Amino acid sequence: MNLAIVAYPNLDEVDRQWIELFRTKHDPQASRLGVHFTLVFPVVAVPSELEAEIALVAQSTQPIPFTIRGT
């Protein structure tokens, strides 16, 4: 199974809509996931083998604040 790790940003609704419109026009897979950042690109893995490690890292990692000023 292909697994990826993504983060869903907190966005103002107008920004979310703008990004989703852009994605719909340019990415044929846009409907598969909402607006996100890919942290780990897809790899072949078994979810049960990674679940504990992913949970440990997620619990011990603080949110990453950043600002996108332009596109």
C-alpha atoms as a PDB file:
ATOM      1  CA  MET A   1       0.000   0.000   0.000  1.00  0.00           C
ATOM      2  CA  ASN A   2       1.225   3.526  -0.780  1.00  0.00           C
ATOM      3  CA  LEU A   3       1.296   5.745   2.287  1.00  0.00           C
ATOM      4  CA  ALA A   4       2.062   9.450   2.601  1.00  0.00           C
ATOM      5  CA  ILE A   5       2.125  11.849   5.528  1.00  0.00           C
ATOM      6  CA  VAL A   6       0.380  15.168   4.992  1.00  0.00           C
ATOM      7  CA  ALA A   7      -0.414  18.220   7.113  1.00  0.00           C
ATOM      8  CA  TYR A   8      -3.610  20.207   6.807  1.00  0.00           C
ATOM      9  CA  PRO A   9      -3.013  23.953   7.315  1.00  0.00           C
ATOM     10  CA  ASN A  10      -5.356  26.325   9.121  1.00  0.00           C
ATOM     11  CA  LEU A  11      -6.547  28.726   6.423  1.00  0.00           C
ATOM     12  CA  ASP A  12      -9.064  31.512   6.082  1.00  0.00           C
ATOM     13  CA  GLU A  13     -12.035  30.226   4.087  1.00  0.00           C
ATOM     14  CA  VAL A  14     -11.393  32.608   1.177  1.00  0.00           C
ATOM     15  CA  ASP A  15      -7.805  31.326   0.880  1.00  0.00           C
ATOM     16  CA  ARG A  16      -8.940  27.706   1.097  1.00  0.00           C
ATOM     17  CA  GLN A  17     -11.475  28.260  -1.690  1.00  0.00           C
ATOM     18  CA  TRP A  18      -8.881  29.976  -3.910  1.00  0.00           C
ATOM     19  CA  ILE A  19      -6.416  27.119  -3.462  1.00  0.00           C
ATOM     20  CA  GLU A  20      -9.080  24.457  -4.054  1.00  0.00           C
ATOM     21  CA  LEU A  21     -10.207  26.205  -7.263  1.00  0.00           C
ATOM     22  CA  PHE A  22      -6.616  26.317  -8.516  1.00  0.00           C
ATOM     23  CA  ARG A  23      -6.062  22.667  -7.616  1.00  0.00           C
ATOM     24  CA  THR A  24      -9.307  21.616  -9.329  1.00  0.00           C
ATOM     25  CA  LYS A  25      -8.176  23.296 -12.551  1.00  0.00           C
ATOM     26  CA  HIS A  26      -4.618  21.915 -12.542  1.00  0.00           C
ATOM     27  CA  ASP A  27      -4.529  18.665 -10.545  1.00  0.00           C
ATOM     28  CA  PRO A  28      -6.649  15.724 -11.694  1.00  0.00           C
ATOM     29  CA  GLN A  29      -6.289  14.178  -8.224  1.00  0.00           C
ATOM     30  CA  ALA A  30      -7.334  17.297  -6.292  1.00  0.00           C
ATOM     31  CA  SER A  31     -10.534  15.695  -5.034  1.00  0.00           C
ATOM     32  CA  ARG A  32      -8.609  12.920  -3.256  1.00  0.00           C
ATOM     33  CA  LEU A  33      -7.327  15.213  -0.452  1.00  0.00           C
ATOM     34  CA  GLY A  34      -8.158  18.701   0.710  1.00  0.00           C
ATOM     35  CA  VAL A  35      -5.580  21.504   0.811  1.00  0.00           C
ATOM     36  CA  HIS A  36      -2.455  20.011   2.363  1.00  0.00           C
ATOM     37  CA  PHE A  37       1.314  19.984   2.546  1.00  0.00           C
ATOM     38  CA  THR A  38       3.047  16.710   1.825  1.00  0.00           C
ATOM     39  CA  LEU A  39       5.542  15.962   4.584  1.00  0.00           C
ATOM     40  CA  VAL A  40       6.501  12.462   3.422  1.00  0.00           C
ATOM     41  CA  PHE A  41       5.849  11.500  -0.183  1.00  0.00           C
ATOM     42  CA  PRO A  42       4.135   8.165  -0.848  1.00  0.00           C
ATOM     43  CA  VAL A  43       6.076   5.018  -0.062  1.00  0.00           C
ATOM     44  CA  VAL A  44       5.091   1.372  -0.154  1.00  0.00           C
ATOM     45  CA  ALA A  45       4.477   0.357   3.463  1.00  0.00           C
ATOM     46  CA  VAL A  46       2.154  -1.550   5.754  1.00  0.00           C
ATOM     47  CA  PRO A  47       0.178   0.874   7.958  1.00  0.00           C
ATOM     48  CA  SER A  48       0.263  -1.351  11.049  1.00  0.00           C
ATOM     49  CA  GLU A  49       4.069  -1.472  10.889  1.00  0.00           C
ATOM     50  CA  LEU A  50       4.381   2.333  10.952  1.00  0.00           C
ATOM     51  CA  GLU A  51       1.484   3.376  13.168  1.00  0.00           C
ATOM     52  CA  ALA A  52       3.331   3.385  16.510  1.00  0.00           C
ATOM     53  CA  GLU A  53       6.341   5.286  15.151  1.00  0.00           C
ATOM     54  CA  ILE A  54       4.185   7.873  13.396  1.00  0.00           C
ATOM     55  CA  ALA A  55       2.096   8.404  16.555  1.00  0.00           C
ATOM     56  CA  LEU A  56       5.240   8.859  18.670  1.00  0.00           C
ATOM     57  CA  VAL A  57       6.706  11.439  16.299  1.00  0.00           C
ATOM     58  CA  ALA A  58       3.383  13.283  15.964  1.00  0.00           C
ATOM     59  CA  GLN A  59       2.942  13.480  19.747  1.00  0.00           C
ATOM     60  CA  SER A  60       6.456  14.821  20.302  1.00  0.00           C
ATOM     61  CA  THR A  61       6.497  17.366  17.467  1.00  0.00           C
ATOM     62  CA  GLN A  62       5.243  20.929  17.858  1.00  0.00           C
ATOM     63  CA  PRO A  63       3.231  22.599  15.079  1.00  0.00           C
ATOM     64  CA  ILE A  64       5.368  24.346  12.465  1.00  0.00           C
ATOM     65  CA  PRO A  65       4.320  28.006  12.125  1.00  0.00           C
ATOM     66  CA  PHE A  66       5.044  29.658   8.781  1.00  0.00           C
ATOM     67  CA  THR A  67       3.626  32.180   6.375  1.00  0.00           C
ATOM     68  CA  ILE A  68       3.302  31.976   2.601  1.00  0.00           C
ATOM     69  CA  ARG A  69       3.549  35.500   1.249  1.00  0.00           C
ATOM     70  CA  GLY A  70       2.995  34.789  -2.430  1.00  0.00           C
ATOM     71  CA  THR A  71       2.372  32.195  -5.053  1.00  0.00           C
END
